[in-house]
Protein backbone atom coordinates (compact mmCIF):
# COMPACT_ATOMS: atom_id res chain seq x y z
CA MET A 1 0.15 0.01 -0.27
CA ILE A 2 2.69 2.16 1.15
CA ARG A 3 4.71 1.46 -2.42
CA LYS A 4 1.70 2.16 -4.33
CA LEU A 5 0.78 6.02 -2.65
CA THR A 6 4.65 6.39 -3.24
CA LEU A 7 4.26 5.88 -6.73
CA LEU A 8 1.32 8.01 -7.05
CA LEU A 9 2.67 11.01 -5.23
CA ALA A 10 5.74 10.97 -7.90
CA VAL A 11 3.38 10.48 -10.65
CA ILE A 12 1.26 13.94 -9.49
CA GLY A 13 4.23 15.50 -8.74
CA GLY A 14 5.76 15.03 -12.04
CA PHE A 15 2.60 16.11 -13.69
CA LEU A 16 2.62 19.42 -11.57
CA MET A 17 6.28 19.97 -12.54
CA THR A 18 5.14 19.28 -15.78
CA ALA A 19 2.51 21.86 -15.53
CA CYS A 20 4.46 24.60 -14.12
CA GLU A 21 7.09 24.36 -16.74
CA GLU A 22 4.40 24.73 -19.50
CA GLN A 23 3.06 27.68 -17.91
CA ASP A 24 6.41 28.98 -17.95
CA ILE A 25 7.18 28.51 -21.30
CA MET A 26 3.91 30.03 -21.96
CA LEU A 27 4.40 33.19 -19.92
CA PHE A 28 8.39 33.55 -20.51
CA GLY A 29 8.20 32.28 -24.31
CA GLU A 30 9.12 34.36 -27.33
CA GLU A 31 7.53 37.22 -25.30
CA ARG A 32 9.42 40.33 -23.81
CA ILE A 33 7.29 42.56 -21.04
CA VAL A 34 8.91 45.42 -19.49
CA TYR A 35 7.84 47.33 -16.55
CA PHE A 36 9.18 49.67 -14.07
CA GLU A 37 10.75 48.52 -11.12
CA LYS A 38 8.92 50.42 -8.54
CA PHE A 39 5.04 49.72 -7.85
CA TRP A 40 3.42 52.95 -8.74
CA ARG A 41 0.02 51.37 -6.68
CA ASP A 42 -0.22 48.18 -4.61
CA ALA A 43 -0.69 44.82 -6.23
CA MET A 44 -2.53 43.16 -3.68
CA VAL A 45 -3.27 44.37 -0.35
CA GLY A 46 -0.48 43.38 2.14
CA THR A 47 2.21 42.43 -0.22
CA GLU A 48 3.65 45.58 -2.40
CA LYS A 49 4.05 49.33 -1.48
CA ALA A 50 3.29 51.64 -4.02
CA ASP A 51 6.44 53.93 -4.60
CA SER A 52 7.47 57.28 -5.88
CA THR A 53 11.09 58.95 -6.93
CA GLU A 54 11.68 62.03 -5.94
CA ILE A 55 14.06 65.23 -7.49
CA THR A 56 15.17 68.44 -6.79
CA PHE A 57 16.51 71.27 -8.16
CA TYR A 58 17.50 72.89 -4.97
CA PHE A 59 21.09 71.70 -5.36
CA ASN A 60 21.21 72.81 -8.53
CA HIS A 61 24.04 75.69 -9.50
CA PRO A 62 21.65 78.59 -10.83
CA THR A 63 23.08 78.06 -14.67
CA ASP A 64 22.24 74.50 -14.34
CA LEU A 65 18.73 74.52 -15.36
CA HIS A 66 18.09 70.88 -15.81
CA GLN A 67 17.77 67.63 -13.27
CA THR A 68 17.14 63.85 -14.35
CA ALA A 69 15.02 61.56 -12.60
CA ASP A 70 16.80 57.95 -13.22
CA LEU A 71 13.71 55.21 -13.30
CA ILE A 72 14.72 51.47 -13.25
CA VAL A 73 12.92 49.10 -15.91
CA VAL A 74 12.79 45.51 -15.46
CA LEU A 75 12.57 42.76 -18.70
CA ALA A 76 11.05 39.45 -18.28
CA GLY A 77 11.01 36.87 -20.85
CA ARG A 78 13.10 35.53 -23.93
CA LYS A 79 16.26 37.74 -23.37
CA VAL A 80 17.55 40.46 -25.53
CA GLU A 81 20.33 39.92 -28.49
CA GLN A 82 19.98 43.61 -29.45
CA ASP A 83 18.96 46.87 -28.27
CA ALA A 84 14.94 46.88 -27.63
CA HIS A 85 12.50 49.83 -27.59
CA PHE A 86 9.70 51.21 -26.06
CA ARG A 87 7.87 54.47 -25.70
CA LEU A 88 6.56 56.37 -22.61
CA ARG A 89 3.42 58.66 -22.45
CA VAL A 90 1.99 61.27 -19.85
CA VAL A 91 -0.99 60.02 -17.69
CA ASP A 92 -2.68 63.46 -18.31
CA ASP A 93 -5.13 62.84 -15.10
CA MET A 94 -2.21 62.29 -12.79
CA THR A 95 0.06 64.86 -13.70
CA THR A 96 0.16 68.60 -12.55
CA ALA A 97 3.74 69.23 -13.96
CA HIS A 98 3.24 71.66 -17.36
CA PRO A 99 4.65 70.31 -20.74
CA GLU A 100 7.77 73.00 -20.85
CA ASP A 101 8.40 71.13 -16.97
CA TYR A 102 10.15 67.77 -18.84
CA THR A 103 11.24 66.78 -21.95
CA LEU A 104 10.15 63.32 -23.18
CA GLN A 105 12.55 61.25 -25.94
CA ASP A 106 10.50 59.63 -28.61
CA GLU A 107 11.33 56.18 -27.46
CA TYR A 108 13.76 54.61 -24.48
CA THR A 109 16.21 51.63 -24.89
CA PHE A 110 16.33 48.61 -23.08
CA ARG A 111 20.26 47.98 -23.99
CA ALA A 112 21.08 44.34 -24.64
CA MET A 113 23.57 43.07 -22.14
CA PRO A 114 25.84 39.96 -20.88
CA ILE A 115 23.27 38.49 -17.98
CA PRO A 116 23.45 34.77 -16.47
CA ASP A 117 22.01 32.20 -18.29
CA ASP A 118 19.80 31.34 -15.19
CA ALA A 119 18.82 34.88 -15.11
CA THR A 120 14.54 35.19 -14.88
CA SER A 121 14.80 38.98 -15.44
CA MET A 122 17.43 42.14 -16.33
CA GLN A 123 17.30 45.24 -15.44
CA ASP A 124 18.20 48.76 -17.17
CA THR A 125 17.87 52.74 -16.31
CA ILE A 126 16.44 54.91 -18.53
CA HIS A 127 17.13 58.98 -17.57
CA ILE A 128 13.90 61.73 -17.74
CA GLN A 129 14.91 64.95 -18.24
CA PHE A 130 13.21 68.12 -16.35
CA ASN A 131 13.56 71.45 -16.78
CA ARG A 132 14.07 74.40 -14.24
CA THR A 133 10.68 76.90 -15.24
CA SER A 134 9.00 79.42 -13.58
CA HIS A 135 6.34 77.25 -12.94
CA LEU A 136 7.91 75.15 -10.03
CA ASP A 137 9.33 78.49 -8.03
CA GLU A 138 5.23 79.04 -7.72
CA LEU A 139 4.61 75.76 -5.99
CA GLU A 140 5.53 75.40 -2.55
CA ASP A 141 5.21 71.70 -2.73
CA GLY A 142 6.43 71.09 -6.68
CA TYR A 143 4.78 69.14 -9.22
CA ARG A 144 4.28 65.69 -9.98
CA LEU A 145 4.62 64.05 -13.47
CA VAL A 146 3.42 60.57 -14.39
CA VAL A 147 4.26 58.55 -17.18
CA GLU A 148 3.11 54.71 -18.72
CA ILE A 149 4.93 52.68 -20.81
CA VAL A 150 3.45 52.31 -24.30
CA PRO A 151 4.09 48.85 -25.80
CA THR A 152 5.89 48.12 -29.37
CA ASP A 153 6.44 45.29 -31.49
CA GLU A 154 9.46 44.84 -29.62
CA LEU A 155 8.32 44.82 -25.77
CA GLN A 156 4.85 44.46 -24.41
CA VAL A 157 3.94 46.00 -21.17
CA GLY A 158 4.40 44.25 -17.90
CA GLN A 159 2.00 43.90 -14.60
CA TYR A 160 -0.20 46.87 -14.68
CA GLU A 161 1.06 47.95 -10.94
CA ARG A 162 4.34 48.81 -12.14
CA SER A 163 3.45 50.28 -16.19
CA ARG A 164 3.46 53.59 -14.60
CA ALA A 165 6.10 56.19 -12.78
CA ILE A 166 5.74 58.47 -10.13
CA ILE A 167 8.38 61.25 -10.23
CA TYR A 168 7.68 63.81 -7.79
CA VAL A 169 9.77 67.75 -8.41
CA SER A 170 10.80 69.65 -5.72
CA ARG A 171 12.46 73.43 -5.17
CA ASN A 172 12.91 72.06 -1.51
CA PRO A 173 15.71 69.64 -0.11
CA VAL A 174 15.76 66.04 -1.41
CA ARG A 175 18.04 63.41 0.54
CA PRO A 176 20.04 61.69 -2.39
CA LEU A 177 19.81 58.14 -2.43
CA TRP A 178 23.53 56.98 -1.90
CA TRP A 179 23.52 58.95 1.63
CA ASP A 180 22.86 55.92 3.56
CA ILE A 181 23.72 54.94 7.19
CA GLU A 182 27.32 53.51 5.50
CA VAL A 183 27.97 57.33 4.47
CA GLU A 184 26.73 58.83 7.41
CA THR A 185 29.14 56.20 9.20
CA TYR A 186 32.22 56.20 7.28
CA LEU A 187 32.28 59.55 5.14
CA LEU A 188 29.95 62.11 5.92
CA GLY A 189 28.63 61.93 9.03
CA THR A 190 24.66 62.82 9.54
CA TYR A 191 22.89 64.18 6.55
CA SER A 192 21.09 67.60 6.66
CA PRO A 193 20.29 69.84 3.74
CA LEU A 194 22.46 72.79 4.78
CA LYS A 195 25.24 70.58 4.85
CA TYR A 196 24.97 68.49 1.44
CA LYS A 197 24.49 72.18 0.30
CA LEU A 198 27.68 73.49 1.51
CA PHE A 199 29.49 70.12 0.60
CA LEU A 200 28.27 70.42 -2.89
CA GLU A 201 29.31 74.16 -3.05
CA ASN A 202 32.47 74.71 -1.69
CA ILE A 203 34.18 71.00 -2.55
CA PRO A 204 35.61 70.28 -6.00
CA GLY A 205 34.30 67.40 -7.43
CA ALA A 206 31.65 66.89 -4.67
CA ARG A 207 28.68 67.07 -7.52
CA ASP A 208 30.51 63.82 -8.90
CA LEU A 209 29.61 61.63 -6.09
CA ASP A 210 27.23 59.12 -6.41
CA GLU A 211 26.57 55.39 -5.63
CA GLU A 212 28.67 53.98 -8.57
CA VAL A 213 31.63 56.13 -7.13
CA ILE A 214 31.19 55.25 -3.53
CA VAL A 215 31.23 51.44 -5.14
CA ASN A 216 33.92 51.34 -7.47
CA GLU A 217 36.57 54.30 -6.39
CA PRO A 218 36.30 54.44 -2.64
CA ASP A 219 39.24 56.60 -2.44
CA VAL A 220 37.68 59.28 -4.29
CA ALA A 221 34.88 59.15 -2.21
CA ARG A 222 36.73 59.26 0.91
CA GLN A 223 38.77 61.74 -0.28
CA LEU A 224 35.70 63.78 -0.94
CA ALA A 225 34.97 63.49 2.35
CA LEU A 226 38.29 64.81 3.68
CA ASP A 227 38.66 67.35 1.85
CA PHE A 228 35.14 68.24 3.47
CA LYS A 229 36.19 68.07 6.70
CA GLN A 230 38.94 70.41 6.54
CA TRP A 231 36.62 72.95 4.74
CA LEU A 232 34.45 72.39 8.09
CA ILE A 233 37.36 73.08 10.22
CA LYS A 234 38.49 76.40 8.82
CA ASN A 235 34.64 77.28 8.56
CA PRO A 236 33.28 76.01 11.59
CA THR A 237 29.07 76.00 10.82
CA MET A 238 26.37 74.86 13.10
CA ASP A 239 23.73 72.47 12.02
CA GLU A 240 19.89 72.97 11.64
CA ASP A 241 19.50 71.80 15.44
CA GLY A 242 22.37 73.87 16.07
CA TYR A 243 25.18 71.79 16.70
CA PRO A 244 28.91 71.63 15.33
CA MET A 245 28.78 70.09 11.57
CA GLU A 246 30.86 67.52 11.56
CA VAL A 247 32.26 64.48 8.96
CA PRO A 248 33.70 61.64 10.52
CA VAL A 249 36.27 60.33 8.25
């Protein structure tokens, strides 16, 4: 009886495995689908958290009239052997930006790149340009641009909850993503809008500091922090809470 039951379970397991493999083939065969990494709305209650991208003109030099929003896009399905393209369009009923506030490209590219054979998805980054206009100066809380992916013959649109991207643009400070706990501990210390502004205005090369430099050129990142530390020694500054501004490196 036990042997018969074991055989039956093996048969059922084989059937389920075959069904899953057939489903994978159906879902991830010849079709290629693209979607944003971030959810613009909850996929299901209690599962995914909707998110957005924030950028600011606060730290820009007065002559720098453009800012870029970097959006990660994901591609699932058949691997791309050459660059594939898709388009974006504005979701008007969710957007408060004016047409002159941004510049969309005619099409965006998902670049072909080497990936592991067992990878189930690929990532790339696209860039949306925003333009400094008088409209932003009129708004205390900035404006919002919402775009959605338009399918092409090369790429289809993936999951609806990731088919749109929400971008908030502000003239107020926005903390850079790379200024994380490790940067606070080992490089620049506690973040504050004033500290970042002083760093950008007084340290040559500070505007080039980003996650890539921190990871791939740690000596450069450390030197920038040391230069800022020396500047603060010569120019003692209080932070927004009235404490001396410090750099731990």
